[in-house]
Each structure stands twice: as C-alpha cells, then as structure tokens.
Amino acid sequence: MIVMLNKHEQRLAKYLAKCRYQIARSAGVENQRVGPQPDWQTDLEGLGAELAFCRLHNVYPDISLETYGRGDCYCFKLGAVDVKATKHQHGNLITTVGKADKPRPDCYALMIGVFPEYRYVGWATADELLRDDRIRDFGHGPTYAIPQKELNN
C-alpha cells in the first residue's frame, strides 16, 4: 500500500527530523546510517517513513525528541515497531548490528520510497531479524538483513 504524506505530515516530518538530528549530534550520538546519503536526509526519510507507517496502521508515532525508545510506534497486534526506510525498490529490511544490544522493539517494518511517498512492504519480528545468519555486509559494515520475500504481511 502506498502513502503520500500530506503537507501537514511533511512539515511535521521536516521539523522532527531537524530537531532529532540536532539533539542527537549535540549529545554525541553517531548517525548509524547505512549508505552514502547525508545525515539530514537519513533523518528526514526515517521520519517520513514512520509517519506513513503510522497513518496506515491508524496509530500515533512517537514524536518525543529524547533518546530513542524501543520503537517508533506501538501497534496493538505488532507491539513496539521500529520502522525502517529505503529508497531501493528491492531493498532489504535492515538494522545495524549494534541494535541487538539495545532495548529491542517487538518487530521491524519496511517502508520503501522517497520523501514524501512511501510503500509499505512488510514486517519481521526482532527474533526473525536479529540472528547471526542474517548478518550481511552491503559495503558499509555488518548489518542484519531480511529480503522482502521473507517479510510478514
């Protein structure tokens, strides 16, 4: 399913991305992006994907500006969800290896697109994604990855 963020959602995503970027960098938190894109774009795409996912699932996103919790939102059936974004149409659902040691969400969801339009692909539980046999290197260091065909709908 495809979601086009409306002008209000776009403004909210831009504002939150800017705030989170500034707060995280001033706190010494390193951006853990995977890819050559600039940090601001990573933050904007992430926020846009979160808002799109939340609209599809009729839930509110976590719009707090403090350090990140277990997920980007909470869905009744999925629990705490960490929404991941990629612009690659055949991209994998990925997360950095360091995430396995932090408070884990119940699941991860994949949104594909470029701000402000995203397509929901599917989800995987943390146990399905954060396994040693899922570690791959796409040229930016080790990362957990699941191909789209293995995601739950």
Protein backbone atom coordinates (compact mmCIF):
# COMPACT_ATOMS: atom_id res chain seq x y z
CA MET A 1 0.00 0.00 0.00
CA ILE A 2 1.29 3.47 -0.94
CA VAL A 3 1.07 6.54 1.30
CA MET A 4 1.65 10.12 0.14
CA LEU A 5 2.25 12.34 3.16
CA ASN A 6 0.05 15.43 3.15
CA LYS A 7 1.51 18.92 3.61
CA HIS A 8 0.98 18.85 7.38
CA GLU A 9 2.67 15.45 7.75
CA GLN A 10 5.54 16.67 5.57
CA ARG A 11 6.00 19.75 7.75
CA LEU A 12 5.91 17.61 10.90
CA ALA A 13 8.47 15.17 9.45
CA LYS A 14 10.84 18.00 8.49
CA TYR A 15 10.54 19.65 11.90
CA LEU A 16 11.03 16.43 13.89
CA ALA A 17 13.92 15.30 11.68
CA LYS A 18 15.72 18.61 12.21
CA CYS A 19 15.15 18.54 15.97
CA ARG A 20 16.18 14.90 16.39
CA TYR A 21 19.27 15.47 14.27
CA GLN A 22 20.37 18.48 16.34
CA ILE A 23 19.65 16.82 19.69
CA ALA A 24 21.38 13.55 18.78
CA ARG A 25 24.50 15.24 17.39
CA SER A 26 24.79 17.60 20.39
CA ALA A 27 24.51 14.55 22.67
CA GLY A 28 27.35 12.85 20.79
CA VAL A 29 25.14 10.15 19.24
CA GLU A 30 26.64 8.97 15.97
CA ASN A 31 24.30 8.67 12.98
CA GLN A 32 24.21 4.96 12.10
CA ARG A 33 23.02 5.34 8.54
CA VAL A 34 23.88 2.70 6.00
CA GLY A 35 24.66 4.39 2.70
CA PRO A 36 26.30 7.50 1.26
CA GLN A 37 23.38 9.92 1.74
CA PRO A 38 23.79 12.95 4.03
CA ASP A 39 22.73 12.63 7.68
CA TRP A 40 19.83 15.10 7.32
CA GLN A 41 18.35 13.03 4.50
CA THR A 42 18.57 9.84 6.57
CA ASP A 43 16.67 11.53 9.40
CA LEU A 44 14.02 13.00 7.07
CA GLU A 45 13.43 9.71 5.23
CA GLY A 46 13.16 7.88 8.55
CA LEU A 47 10.59 10.33 9.93
CA GLY A 48 8.62 10.31 6.69
CA ALA A 49 8.50 6.51 6.66
CA GLU A 50 7.44 6.44 10.33
CA LEU A 51 4.56 8.84 9.69
CA ALA A 52 3.45 6.88 6.61
CA PHE A 53 3.53 3.58 8.53
CA CYS A 54 1.59 5.11 11.42
CA ARG A 55 -1.11 6.50 9.13
CA LEU A 56 -1.55 3.07 7.53
CA HIS A 57 -1.91 1.41 10.92
CA ASN A 58 -4.02 4.16 12.48
CA VAL A 59 -1.60 4.81 15.34
CA TYR A 60 0.36 7.82 16.55
CA PRO A 61 4.14 7.94 16.09
CA ASP A 62 6.49 8.51 18.99
CA ILE A 63 7.22 12.20 18.44
CA SER A 64 9.39 12.60 21.52
CA LEU A 65 12.71 14.33 20.98
CA GLU A 66 14.58 12.49 23.72
CA THR A 67 16.73 9.44 23.13
CA TYR A 68 15.03 6.70 21.20
CA GLY A 69 12.94 4.08 22.95
CA ARG A 70 12.04 0.57 21.86
CA GLY A 71 10.28 1.63 18.70
CA ASP A 72 8.82 4.38 16.57
CA CYS A 73 5.23 3.50 17.45
CA TYR A 74 3.11 0.85 19.14
CA CYS A 75 0.58 -1.27 17.26
CA PHE A 76 -1.89 -3.49 19.09
CA LYS A 77 -1.07 -6.62 17.07
CA LEU A 78 2.64 -5.96 16.39
CA GLY A 79 3.74 -4.31 19.64
CA ALA A 80 6.62 -1.82 19.57
CA VAL A 81 7.63 -1.24 15.93
CA ASP A 82 10.94 0.11 14.60
CA VAL A 83 10.16 1.45 11.11
CA LYS A 84 12.96 1.22 8.54
CA ALA A 85 13.12 3.10 5.23
CA THR A 86 14.94 2.56 1.96
CA LYS A 87 14.69 4.11 -1.49
CA HIS A 88 15.70 0.83 -3.16
CA GLN A 89 12.64 -0.90 -4.65
CA HIS A 90 14.10 -4.35 -3.96
CA GLY A 91 15.85 -3.32 -0.73
CA ASN A 92 16.10 -5.48 2.35
CA LEU A 93 14.77 -4.78 5.82
CA ILE A 94 17.99 -3.92 7.65
CA THR A 95 19.23 -2.72 11.02
CA THR A 96 22.72 -2.22 12.38
CA VAL A 97 24.39 -4.98 14.34
CA GLY A 98 24.72 -2.68 17.37
CA LYS A 99 20.93 -2.57 17.73
CA ALA A 100 20.88 -6.13 19.08
CA ASP A 101 22.36 -4.90 22.37
CA LYS A 102 19.86 -2.06 22.89
CA PRO A 103 16.22 -2.28 24.03
CA ARG A 104 14.61 -4.29 21.27
CA PRO A 105 11.36 -3.50 19.56
CA ASP A 106 8.92 -6.35 19.11
CA CYS A 107 9.23 -6.04 15.33
CA TYR A 108 10.71 -4.09 12.45
CA ALA A 109 8.72 -2.79 9.46
CA LEU A 110 9.96 -1.85 5.98
CA MET A 111 8.79 1.21 4.04
CA ILE A 112 10.16 1.89 0.55
CA GLY A 113 10.18 5.29 -1.09
CA VAL A 114 11.49 8.81 -1.13
CA PHE A 115 10.04 11.63 0.92
CA PRO A 116 7.08 12.25 0.83
CA GLU A 117 5.81 9.00 -0.76
CA TYR A 118 6.28 5.52 0.73
CA ARG A 119 5.11 1.96 0.13
CA TYR A 120 4.58 -0.48 3.00
CA VAL A 121 6.29 -3.81 2.29
CA GLY A 122 6.00 -5.91 5.45
CA TRP A 123 7.46 -6.67 8.86
CA ALA A 124 9.60 -9.15 10.79
CA THR A 125 9.88 -9.87 14.49
CA ALA A 126 13.10 -8.93 16.26
CA ASP A 127 13.84 -12.65 16.68
CA GLU A 128 13.45 -13.20 12.92
CA LEU A 129 15.82 -10.33 12.05
CA LEU A 130 18.43 -10.22 14.82
CA ARG A 131 20.07 -13.59 14.13
CA ASP A 132 23.69 -14.31 13.27
CA ASP A 133 22.69 -15.99 10.00
CA ARG A 134 21.06 -12.69 8.91
CA ILE A 135 24.30 -10.65 9.09
CA ARG A 136 25.38 -9.27 5.71
CA ASP A 137 27.73 -6.57 4.50
CA PHE A 138 26.48 -4.26 1.75
CA GLY A 139 29.74 -2.31 1.74
CA HIS A 140 29.15 -0.29 4.91
CA GLY A 141 29.94 -2.86 7.58
CA PRO A 142 27.94 -5.74 9.07
CA THR A 143 24.17 -5.34 9.28
CA TYR A 144 21.18 -7.60 9.89
CA ALA A 145 19.11 -8.06 6.73
CA ILE A 146 15.96 -9.86 5.58
CA PRO A 147 14.88 -9.91 1.90
CA GLN A 148 11.40 -8.59 1.15
CA LYS A 149 10.11 -12.01 0.09
CA GLU A 150 10.66 -13.29 3.66
CA LEU A 151 8.72 -10.49 5.39
CA ASN A 152 5.33 -10.97 7.02
CA ASN A 153 2.40 -9.06 5.52
